[in-house]
């Protein structure tokens, strides 16, 4: 039996703000697990917003250094929702196209890139164009 990825820890510095941001962006309510943890079910994998100070661990969170990818059914609606939620749209280039705009990437995915209010890097991909590393 292979391993199943079931939880990703996402460091945040304000659990209430994180809960509101991700409820808006993901379109799901989530559940408060402790003073510093709020969990969202993302298709069977839990996105765990974690504020170490609010949870009593006594250290400041550090944003993820790499991108976290989400597949969505309606990329245009997700783009608008990210704007509404206050996401910071990336100004970087991804193979010649602006990362913060919806574009078809060279590997075939239609996507855009943002940062959450805590500096975590997020990418939203049109589910119909997901590249999983498998061919055929």
C-alpha atoms as a PDB file:
ATOM      1  CA  UNK A   1       0.000   0.000   0.000  1.00  0.00           C
ATOM      2  CA  UNK A   2       1.324   3.458  -0.926  1.00  0.00           C
ATOM      3  CA  UNK A   3       1.365   6.528   1.273  1.00  0.00           C
ATOM      4  CA  UNK A   4      -1.483   9.046   1.139  1.00  0.00           C
ATOM      5  CA  UNK A   5      -0.842  12.745   1.646  1.00  0.00           C
ATOM      6  CA  UNK A   6      -3.488  13.768   4.162  1.00  0.00           C
ATOM      7  CA  UNK A   7      -2.373  17.108   5.675  1.00  0.00           C
ATOM      8  CA  UNK A   8      -0.337  20.168   4.682  1.00  0.00           C
ATOM      9  CA  UNK A   9       0.664  22.671   7.377  1.00  0.00           C
ATOM     10  CA  UNK A  10       0.351  26.281   6.219  1.00  0.00           C
ATOM     11  CA  UNK A  11       2.070  28.757   8.571  1.00  0.00           C
ATOM     12  CA  UNK A  12       0.072  31.908   9.377  1.00  0.00           C
ATOM     13  CA  UNK A  13       0.405  34.720  11.914  1.00  0.00           C
ATOM     14  CA  UNK A  14      -3.296  35.422  12.500  1.00  0.00           C
ATOM     15  CA  UNK A  15      -5.557  32.373  12.618  1.00  0.00           C
ATOM     16  CA  UNK A  16      -8.817  34.353  12.400  1.00  0.00           C
ATOM     17  CA  UNK A  17      -7.633  36.278   9.342  1.00  0.00           C
ATOM     18  CA  UNK A  18      -6.363  33.039   7.778  1.00  0.00           C
ATOM     19  CA  UNK A  19      -9.698  31.286   8.386  1.00  0.00           C
ATOM     20  CA  UNK A  20     -11.580  34.137   6.714  1.00  0.00           C
ATOM     21  CA  UNK A  21      -9.153  34.328   3.765  1.00  0.00           C
ATOM     22  CA  UNK A  22      -9.203  30.596   3.055  1.00  0.00           C
ATOM     23  CA  UNK A  23     -12.960  30.256   3.601  1.00  0.00           C
ATOM     24  CA  UNK A  24     -13.403  32.908   0.915  1.00  0.00           C
ATOM     25  CA  UNK A  25     -10.800  31.539  -1.511  1.00  0.00           C
ATOM     26  CA  UNK A  26     -11.593  27.829  -1.101  1.00  0.00           C
ATOM     27  CA  UNK A  27     -15.348  28.235  -0.777  1.00  0.00           C
ATOM     28  CA  UNK A  28     -15.521  25.904   2.240  1.00  0.00           C
ATOM     29  CA  UNK A  29     -16.100  26.709   5.912  1.00  0.00           C
ATOM     30  CA  UNK A  30     -13.298  24.757   7.561  1.00  0.00           C
ATOM     31  CA  UNK A  31     -13.170  23.853  11.228  1.00  0.00           C
ATOM     32  CA  UNK A  32     -11.356  25.344  14.201  1.00  0.00           C
ATOM     33  CA  UNK A  33      -9.266  22.584  15.786  1.00  0.00           C
ATOM     34  CA  UNK A  34      -7.463  24.636  18.467  1.00  0.00           C
ATOM     35  CA  UNK A  35      -6.611  28.261  19.240  1.00  0.00           C
ATOM     36  CA  UNK A  36      -3.991  28.228  16.491  1.00  0.00           C
ATOM     37  CA  UNK A  37      -5.286  25.669  13.976  1.00  0.00           C
ATOM     38  CA  UNK A  38      -8.043  25.871  11.383  1.00  0.00           C
ATOM     39  CA  UNK A  39      -8.493  22.915   8.997  1.00  0.00           C
ATOM     40  CA  UNK A  40      -9.951  22.875   5.479  1.00  0.00           C
ATOM     41  CA  UNK A  41     -10.788  19.691   3.576  1.00  0.00           C
ATOM     42  CA  UNK A  42      -9.384  20.093   0.079  1.00  0.00           C
ATOM     43  CA  UNK A  43     -10.584  16.969  -1.682  1.00  0.00           C
ATOM     44  CA  UNK A  44      -9.335  14.572   0.975  1.00  0.00           C
ATOM     45  CA  UNK A  45      -6.148  16.441   1.882  1.00  0.00           C
ATOM     46  CA  UNK A  46      -6.389  18.784   4.869  1.00  0.00           C
ATOM     47  CA  UNK A  47      -5.012  22.303   4.507  1.00  0.00           C
ATOM     48  CA  UNK A  48      -4.089  23.129   8.110  1.00  0.00           C
ATOM     49  CA  UNK A  49      -3.649  26.836   8.779  1.00  0.00           C
ATOM     50  CA  UNK A  50      -1.335  26.951  11.793  1.00  0.00           C
ATOM     51  CA  UNK A  51      -0.425  29.945  13.963  1.00  0.00           C
ATOM     52  CA  UNK A  52       2.288  28.668  16.323  1.00  0.00           C
ATOM     53  CA  UNK A  53       1.995  31.631  18.712  1.00  0.00           C
ATOM     54  CA  UNK A  54      -1.789  31.307  19.056  1.00  0.00           C
ATOM     55  CA  UNK A  55      -1.328  27.567  19.651  1.00  0.00           C
ATOM     56  CA  UNK A  56       1.153  28.221  22.471  1.00  0.00           C
ATOM     57  CA  UNK A  57       4.261  26.996  20.658  1.00  0.00           C
ATOM     58  CA  UNK A  58       6.040  30.340  21.081  1.00  0.00           C
ATOM     59  CA  UNK A  59       7.654  30.952  17.709  1.00  0.00           C
ATOM     60  CA  UNK A  60       6.867  33.084  14.685  1.00  0.00           C
ATOM     61  CA  UNK A  61       5.620  31.359  11.515  1.00  0.00           C
ATOM     62  CA  UNK A  62       7.694  31.368   8.347  1.00  0.00           C
ATOM     63  CA  UNK A  63       5.830  31.360   5.005  1.00  0.00           C
ATOM     64  CA  UNK A  64       6.283  28.372   2.726  1.00  0.00           C
ATOM     65  CA  UNK A  65       9.177  28.884   0.323  1.00  0.00           C
ATOM     66  CA  UNK A  66       7.621  26.871  -2.513  1.00  0.00           C
ATOM     67  CA  UNK A  67       4.275  27.034  -4.304  1.00  0.00           C
ATOM     68  CA  UNK A  68       1.195  25.183  -3.073  1.00  0.00           C
ATOM     69  CA  UNK A  69      -1.081  24.141  -5.969  1.00  0.00           C
ATOM     70  CA  UNK A  70      -4.884  23.929  -5.964  1.00  0.00           C
ATOM     71  CA  UNK A  71      -7.051  22.569  -8.782  1.00  0.00           C
ATOM     72  CA  UNK A  72     -10.277  24.532  -9.341  1.00  0.00           C
ATOM     73  CA  UNK A  73     -13.307  24.020 -11.561  1.00  0.00           C
ATOM     74  CA  UNK A  74     -13.723  27.686 -12.568  1.00  0.00           C
ATOM     75  CA  UNK A  75     -10.401  29.505 -12.907  1.00  0.00           C
ATOM     76  CA  UNK A  76     -12.031  32.858 -13.748  1.00  0.00           C
ATOM     77  CA  UNK A  77     -14.287  32.763 -10.684  1.00  0.00           C
ATOM     78  CA  UNK A  78     -11.333  31.737  -8.512  1.00  0.00           C
ATOM     79  CA  UNK A  79      -9.282  34.652  -9.861  1.00  0.00           C
ATOM     80  CA  UNK A  80     -12.100  37.068  -8.944  1.00  0.00           C
ATOM     81  CA  UNK A  81     -12.487  35.468  -5.505  1.00  0.00           C
ATOM     82  CA  UNK A  82      -8.756  35.811  -4.816  1.00  0.00           C
ATOM     83  CA  UNK A  83      -9.000  39.518  -5.670  1.00  0.00           C
ATOM     84  CA  UNK A  84     -11.991  39.892  -3.339  1.00  0.00           C
ATOM     85  CA  UNK A  85     -10.152  38.076  -0.526  1.00  0.00           C
ATOM     86  CA  UNK A  86      -7.115  40.367  -0.806  1.00  0.00           C
ATOM     87  CA  UNK A  87      -4.576  37.969  -2.309  1.00  0.00           C
ATOM     88  CA  UNK A  88      -1.386  39.549  -3.608  1.00  0.00           C
ATOM     89  CA  UNK A  89      -1.004  38.704  -7.297  1.00  0.00           C
ATOM     90  CA  UNK A  90       2.504  37.651  -8.273  1.00  0.00           C
ATOM     91  CA  UNK A  91       4.471  39.987 -10.510  1.00  0.00           C
ATOM     92  CA  UNK A  92       7.006  37.290 -11.433  1.00  0.00           C
ATOM     93  CA  UNK A  93       7.231  35.800 -14.900  1.00  0.00           C
ATOM     94  CA  UNK A  94       6.514  32.121 -15.555  1.00  0.00           C
ATOM     95  CA  UNK A  95       8.120  31.234 -18.884  1.00  0.00           C
ATOM     96  CA  UNK A  96       7.361  34.642 -20.393  1.00  0.00           C
ATOM     97  CA  UNK A  97       3.859  35.177 -19.016  1.00  0.00           C
ATOM     98  CA  UNK A  98       2.962  37.185 -15.908  1.00  0.00           C
ATOM     99  CA  UNK A  99       2.427  34.756 -13.015  1.00  0.00           C
ATOM    100  CA  UNK A 100      -0.406  36.827 -11.528  1.00  0.00           C
ATOM    101  CA  UNK A 101      -2.536  36.640 -14.670  1.00  0.00           C
ATOM    102  CA  UNK A 102      -4.470  33.654 -15.963  1.00  0.00           C
ATOM    103  CA  UNK A 103      -2.359  32.040 -18.681  1.00  0.00           C
ATOM    104  CA  UNK A 104      -1.724  28.677 -20.277  1.00  0.00           C
ATOM    105  CA  UNK A 105       1.751  27.596 -19.168  1.00  0.00           C
ATOM    106  CA  UNK A 106       4.195  25.729 -21.463  1.00  0.00           C
ATOM    107  CA  UNK A 107       3.306  22.408 -19.785  1.00  0.00           C
ATOM    108  CA  UNK A 108      -0.372  22.963 -20.666  1.00  0.00           C
ATOM    109  CA  UNK A 109      -1.839  24.115 -17.344  1.00  0.00           C
ATOM    110  CA  UNK A 110      -4.075  27.179 -17.251  1.00  0.00           C
ATOM    111  CA  UNK A 111      -3.192  28.921 -13.988  1.00  0.00           C
ATOM    112  CA  UNK A 112      -2.367  32.020 -11.957  1.00  0.00           C
ATOM    113  CA  UNK A 113      -0.137  32.662  -8.940  1.00  0.00           C
ATOM    114  CA  UNK A 114      -0.791  34.682  -5.762  1.00  0.00           C
ATOM    115  CA  UNK A 115       0.389  35.050  -2.176  1.00  0.00           C
ATOM    116  CA  UNK A 116      -1.889  34.838   0.835  1.00  0.00           C
ATOM    117  CA  UNK A 117      -1.801  37.638   3.465  1.00  0.00           C
ATOM    118  CA  UNK A 118       1.038  35.790   5.247  1.00  0.00           C
ATOM    119  CA  UNK A 119       3.374  35.415   2.269  1.00  0.00           C
ATOM    120  CA  UNK A 120       2.544  31.793   1.408  1.00  0.00           C
ATOM    121  CA  UNK A 121       2.794  31.128  -2.330  1.00  0.00           C
ATOM    122  CA  UNK A 122      -0.353  29.708  -3.955  1.00  0.00           C
ATOM    123  CA  UNK A 123      -1.114  28.629  -7.512  1.00  0.00           C
ATOM    124  CA  UNK A 124      -4.606  27.932  -8.821  1.00  0.00           C
ATOM    125  CA  UNK A 125      -4.898  25.597 -11.810  1.00  0.00           C
ATOM    126  CA  UNK A 126      -7.909  24.929 -14.017  1.00  0.00           C
ATOM    127  CA  UNK A 127      -8.798  21.330 -13.118  1.00  0.00           C
ATOM    128  CA  UNK A 128      -9.356  20.446 -16.807  1.00  0.00           C
ATOM    129  CA  UNK A 129      -5.696  21.288 -17.570  1.00  0.00           C
ATOM    130  CA  UNK A 130      -3.920  19.718 -14.559  1.00  0.00           C
ATOM    131  CA  UNK A 131      -0.582  18.136 -15.408  1.00  0.00           C
ATOM    132  CA  UNK A 132       0.160  15.329 -12.949  1.00  0.00           C
ATOM    133  CA  UNK A 133       3.415  14.087 -14.442  1.00  0.00           C
ATOM    134  CA  UNK A 134       1.688  11.147 -16.103  1.00  0.00           C
ATOM    135  CA  UNK A 135       1.266  10.833 -19.823  1.00  0.00           C
ATOM    136  CA  UNK A 136      -1.733   9.198 -21.452  1.00  0.00           C
END
